[in-house]
Protein backbone atom coordinates (compact mmCIF):
# COMPACT_ATOMS: atom_id res chain seq x y z
CA MET A 1 58.08 108.44 -71.79
CA HIS A 2 56.97 104.81 -72.08
CA ILE A 3 53.27 103.98 -71.71
CA HIS A 4 52.24 100.35 -71.50
CA TYR A 5 48.70 98.93 -71.46
CA LEU A 6 47.32 95.55 -70.41
CA GLN A 7 44.58 94.29 -72.73
CA HIS A 8 42.14 91.55 -71.70
CA VAL A 9 40.09 90.98 -74.87
CA GLU A 10 40.55 91.84 -78.52
CA PHE A 11 37.63 94.29 -78.63
CA GLU A 12 38.76 96.49 -75.70
CA GLY A 13 42.04 98.06 -76.73
CA PRO A 14 43.53 101.42 -75.74
CA GLY A 15 41.21 103.41 -77.99
CA TYR A 16 42.01 107.12 -77.93
CA ILE A 17 44.93 106.57 -75.53
CA GLU A 18 47.05 105.23 -78.39
CA GLN A 19 46.43 108.31 -80.54
CA TRP A 20 47.11 110.64 -77.61
CA ALA A 21 50.41 108.92 -76.80
CA ARG A 22 51.61 109.10 -80.39
CA ASP A 23 50.54 112.75 -80.68
CA GLN A 24 52.75 113.51 -77.67
CA GLY A 25 55.69 111.57 -79.13
CA TYR A 26 55.51 108.96 -76.36
CA HIS A 27 56.34 105.29 -76.85
CA ILE A 28 53.28 103.08 -76.31
CA SER A 29 53.20 99.30 -76.15
CA GLY A 30 50.78 96.66 -74.92
CA THR A 31 50.45 93.15 -73.55
CA ARG A 32 47.60 91.04 -74.95
CA LEU A 33 46.94 88.86 -71.93
CA TYR A 34 44.31 86.83 -73.79
CA ASP A 35 47.12 85.77 -76.17
CA HIS A 36 49.28 84.79 -73.16
CA GLN A 37 51.92 87.41 -73.92
CA GLU A 38 54.53 87.99 -71.25
CA LEU A 39 54.46 91.06 -69.01
CA PRO A 40 57.38 93.48 -69.47
CA GLU A 41 59.79 94.61 -66.78
CA LEU A 42 58.17 97.34 -64.70
CA GLU A 43 61.38 99.36 -64.70
CA GLU A 44 60.82 100.06 -68.41
CA ILE A 45 57.40 101.65 -67.86
CA ASP A 46 56.46 105.20 -66.82
CA LEU A 47 52.67 104.83 -66.98
CA LEU A 48 50.78 101.54 -66.76
CA ILE A 49 47.22 101.46 -68.11
CA VAL A 50 44.91 98.53 -67.35
CA MET A 51 42.05 98.18 -69.83
CA GLY A 52 38.54 96.76 -69.48
CA GLY A 53 37.01 93.39 -70.28
CA PRO A 54 33.90 91.27 -69.70
CA MET A 55 35.52 88.92 -67.16
CA GLY A 56 35.41 89.50 -63.41
CA VAL A 57 38.21 90.24 -60.97
CA TYR A 58 37.70 86.88 -59.25
CA ASP A 59 37.56 84.73 -62.42
CA ASP A 60 41.06 83.29 -61.87
CA ASP A 61 40.00 79.71 -62.69
CA GLN A 62 38.67 80.69 -66.10
CA TYR A 63 41.43 83.21 -66.83
CA PRO A 64 44.60 81.99 -65.03
CA TRP A 65 46.63 84.99 -66.27
CA LEU A 66 44.61 87.17 -63.91
CA VAL A 67 46.75 85.86 -61.03
CA SER A 68 50.03 87.14 -62.47
CA GLU A 69 48.36 90.32 -63.71
CA LYS A 70 47.09 91.20 -60.22
CA ALA A 71 50.57 90.63 -58.77
CA TYR A 72 52.05 92.81 -61.51
CA ILE A 73 49.57 95.65 -60.87
CA LYS A 74 50.17 95.45 -57.12
CA HIS A 75 53.92 95.63 -57.67
CA ALA A 76 53.43 98.66 -59.94
CA VAL A 77 51.44 100.50 -57.27
CA GLU A 78 53.89 99.58 -54.50
CA SER A 79 56.79 100.73 -56.70
CA GLY A 80 55.25 104.19 -57.01
CA LYS A 81 54.36 103.86 -60.70
CA ARG A 82 51.63 105.95 -62.25
CA VAL A 83 48.74 103.59 -62.97
CA LEU A 84 45.40 104.15 -64.70
CA GLY A 85 42.65 101.52 -64.60
CA ILE A 86 39.55 101.60 -66.80
CA CYS A 87 36.41 99.54 -66.04
CA LEU A 88 37.77 96.05 -65.23
CA GLY A 89 41.17 97.73 -64.91
CA ALA A 90 39.82 100.01 -62.18
CA GLN A 91 38.29 97.00 -60.41
CA LEU A 92 41.64 95.20 -60.54
CA LEU A 93 43.34 98.28 -59.09
CA ALA A 94 40.80 98.53 -56.28
CA HIS A 95 41.17 94.80 -55.61
CA VAL A 96 44.96 94.91 -55.20
CA LEU A 97 44.45 97.91 -52.88
CA GLY A 98 42.27 95.73 -50.64
CA ALA A 99 38.80 96.85 -51.72
CA LYS A 100 35.86 94.56 -52.45
CA ILE A 101 34.46 94.11 -55.96
CA GLU A 102 30.78 93.28 -56.19
CA GLN A 103 27.78 93.43 -58.46
CA ALA A 104 26.71 97.03 -59.10
CA PRO A 105 23.17 98.13 -58.21
CA HIS A 106 22.46 98.30 -61.96
CA THR A 107 24.13 97.10 -65.12
CA GLU A 108 25.10 100.23 -67.05
CA ILE A 109 25.59 100.09 -70.81
CA GLY A 110 25.34 103.32 -72.76
CA TRP A 111 25.61 107.05 -72.30
CA PHE A 112 24.70 108.18 -68.78
CA PRO A 113 25.79 111.21 -66.74
CA VAL A 114 28.51 111.01 -64.12
CA THR A 115 28.88 113.62 -61.40
CA LEU A 116 32.11 114.84 -59.85
CA GLU A 117 32.11 113.90 -56.18
CA THR A 118 35.45 115.30 -54.99
CA LYS A 119 37.59 118.00 -56.57
CA HIS A 120 41.20 117.06 -57.22
CA PRO A 121 44.09 118.73 -59.11
CA LEU A 122 44.16 115.89 -61.65
CA LEU A 123 40.56 116.76 -62.53
CA ASP A 124 40.94 120.53 -62.69
CA LYS A 125 38.61 122.04 -65.33
CA ILE A 126 36.81 118.71 -65.85
CA PRO A 127 33.04 119.52 -65.73
CA GLU A 128 31.13 118.65 -62.59
CA SER A 129 28.70 116.58 -64.67
CA PHE A 130 28.93 115.08 -68.16
CA LYS A 131 27.70 112.10 -70.17
CA ALA A 132 30.14 109.19 -70.06
CA PHE A 133 30.12 105.86 -71.82
CA HIS A 134 29.48 102.86 -69.54
CA TRP A 135 29.68 99.12 -70.00
CA HIS A 136 29.78 97.25 -66.71
CA GLY A 137 27.83 95.06 -64.32
CA ASP A 138 30.26 95.07 -61.39
CA MET A 139 31.71 97.91 -59.33
CA PHE A 140 34.52 98.50 -56.86
CA ASP A 141 34.38 99.74 -53.30
CA ILE A 142 36.59 102.77 -52.71
CA PRO A 143 39.98 101.54 -51.39
CA VAL A 144 41.12 102.73 -47.96
CA GLY A 145 43.13 105.91 -48.42
CA ALA A 146 41.66 106.65 -51.86
CA VAL A 147 39.51 109.64 -52.82
CA PRO A 148 36.14 108.93 -54.52
CA ILE A 149 35.82 111.16 -57.57
CA PHE A 150 32.74 110.25 -59.65
CA LYS A 151 29.30 108.71 -59.19
CA SER A 152 26.24 108.05 -61.36
CA ALA A 153 22.56 107.32 -60.81
CA GLY A 154 23.17 103.65 -61.54
CA CYS A 155 26.46 103.19 -59.69
CA PRO A 156 27.68 105.09 -56.59
CA ASN A 157 31.40 104.40 -57.21
CA GLN A 158 32.59 105.52 -60.63
CA GLY A 159 36.17 106.56 -59.88
CA PHE A 160 38.93 107.00 -57.33
CA ILE A 161 42.41 108.47 -56.95
CA TYR A 162 45.00 106.88 -54.67
CA GLN A 163 48.16 108.70 -53.56
CA ASN A 164 47.82 111.10 -56.52
CA LYS A 165 49.39 108.51 -58.86
CA VAL A 166 46.83 105.73 -59.13
CA VAL A 167 43.52 106.47 -60.87
CA GLY A 168 40.53 104.23 -61.55
CA PHE A 169 37.53 105.01 -63.76
CA GLN A 170 34.56 102.66 -63.93
CA PHE A 171 33.41 104.28 -67.18
CA HIS A 172 35.20 104.65 -70.52
CA PHE A 173 36.96 107.95 -71.22
CA GLU A 174 38.99 106.28 -73.99
CA THR A 175 36.09 105.27 -76.24
CA THR A 176 36.22 106.19 -79.92
CA PRO A 177 33.53 105.52 -82.54
CA GLU A 178 35.65 102.59 -83.74
CA SER A 179 36.12 101.04 -80.29
CA LEU A 180 32.42 101.63 -79.60
CA SER A 181 31.51 99.58 -82.67
CA ALA A 182 33.86 96.79 -81.58
CA MET A 183 32.26 96.62 -78.13
CA LEU A 184 28.75 96.60 -79.59
CA ALA A 185 29.73 93.73 -81.89
CA SER A 186 30.82 91.71 -78.83
CA ASP A 187 27.39 91.53 -77.20
CA ASP A 188 23.68 91.93 -78.01
CA VAL A 189 22.72 94.90 -75.85
CA ASP A 190 19.21 94.89 -77.32
CA ALA A 191 18.57 91.62 -75.45
CA TYR A 192 18.97 93.37 -72.09
CA GLN A 193 15.84 94.53 -70.26
CA GLU A 194 17.30 96.90 -67.69
CA THR A 195 16.87 100.53 -66.67
CA PHE A 196 20.42 101.64 -67.40
CA VAL A 197 21.00 99.76 -70.65
CA GLN A 198 20.43 101.61 -73.91
CA SER A 199 19.76 100.08 -77.31
CA ALA A 200 22.59 99.64 -79.79
CA ALA A 201 20.98 102.28 -82.02
CA ALA A 202 20.76 104.80 -79.15
CA ILE A 203 24.39 104.17 -78.25
CA ARG A 204 25.56 104.68 -81.83
CA GLU A 205 23.52 107.88 -82.16
CA LYS A 206 25.51 109.44 -79.32
CA ALA A 207 28.95 108.42 -80.58
CA HIS A 208 29.75 112.11 -81.12
CA HIS A 209 30.23 112.36 -77.34
CA CYS A 210 33.46 110.35 -77.73
CA GLN A 211 35.45 113.37 -78.86
CA ARG A 212 34.53 115.36 -75.77
CA LEU A 213 35.42 112.45 -73.46
CA ASN A 214 38.75 112.04 -75.24
CA THR A 215 39.53 115.72 -74.65
CA TYR A 216 38.90 115.28 -70.93
CA LEU A 217 41.08 112.17 -70.87
CA ALA A 218 43.93 113.97 -72.63
CA THR A 219 43.85 116.62 -69.90
CA ILE A 220 43.86 114.02 -67.13
CA LEU A 221 46.65 111.95 -68.69
CA THR A 222 48.83 115.01 -69.16
CA ARG A 223 48.37 115.99 -65.51
CA LEU A 224 48.96 112.42 -64.32
CA ILE A 225 52.23 112.17 -66.19
CA ASN A 226 53.48 115.61 -65.12
CA HIS A 227 52.22 115.45 -61.54
């Protein structure tokens, strides 16, 4: 089993996904797009994971590698690969599936509940509501043919599943205390004055929720791979 992730910025790596893959004895590798690394042959990959980042889906002029990345993701989906997108990664997935990406009703940064909208075998035994970690200002529309799976008070579209092999999460299942610290160091969240943005101190205080999220993600990844 070969898992490959696409990374957009230094401070948003695979987080818990790397530990999970190694615990299962799977090979995991990554492409640091911000370092202009080349994309691998799709034939070598069993599961493609597209990570988050502060840039937008349409920022091709500022980040020219987005053009080749989008084509790569589209090819992966059309080839029947299993693909997981997280935050920006989910927006990129939705985009290549023809959906619109736009500003969310609220910027969400911190620990806020998400609610399960549609039951699906990949989400079996995942609670109907739980606190997830968010860090986004944009959101995706649900692609045609996809199933909406999560929503929150600040954002109506928090996840989707397409053809049982392609999954997008607007929030961060993969967050660890270490990756949380890296994200907080990348931006001054205390400068925000918005309803769904918590202080850095409040975010750190709830870092213990990471372990529970990681457990849910392990369950979903296992089902996605074996589905």
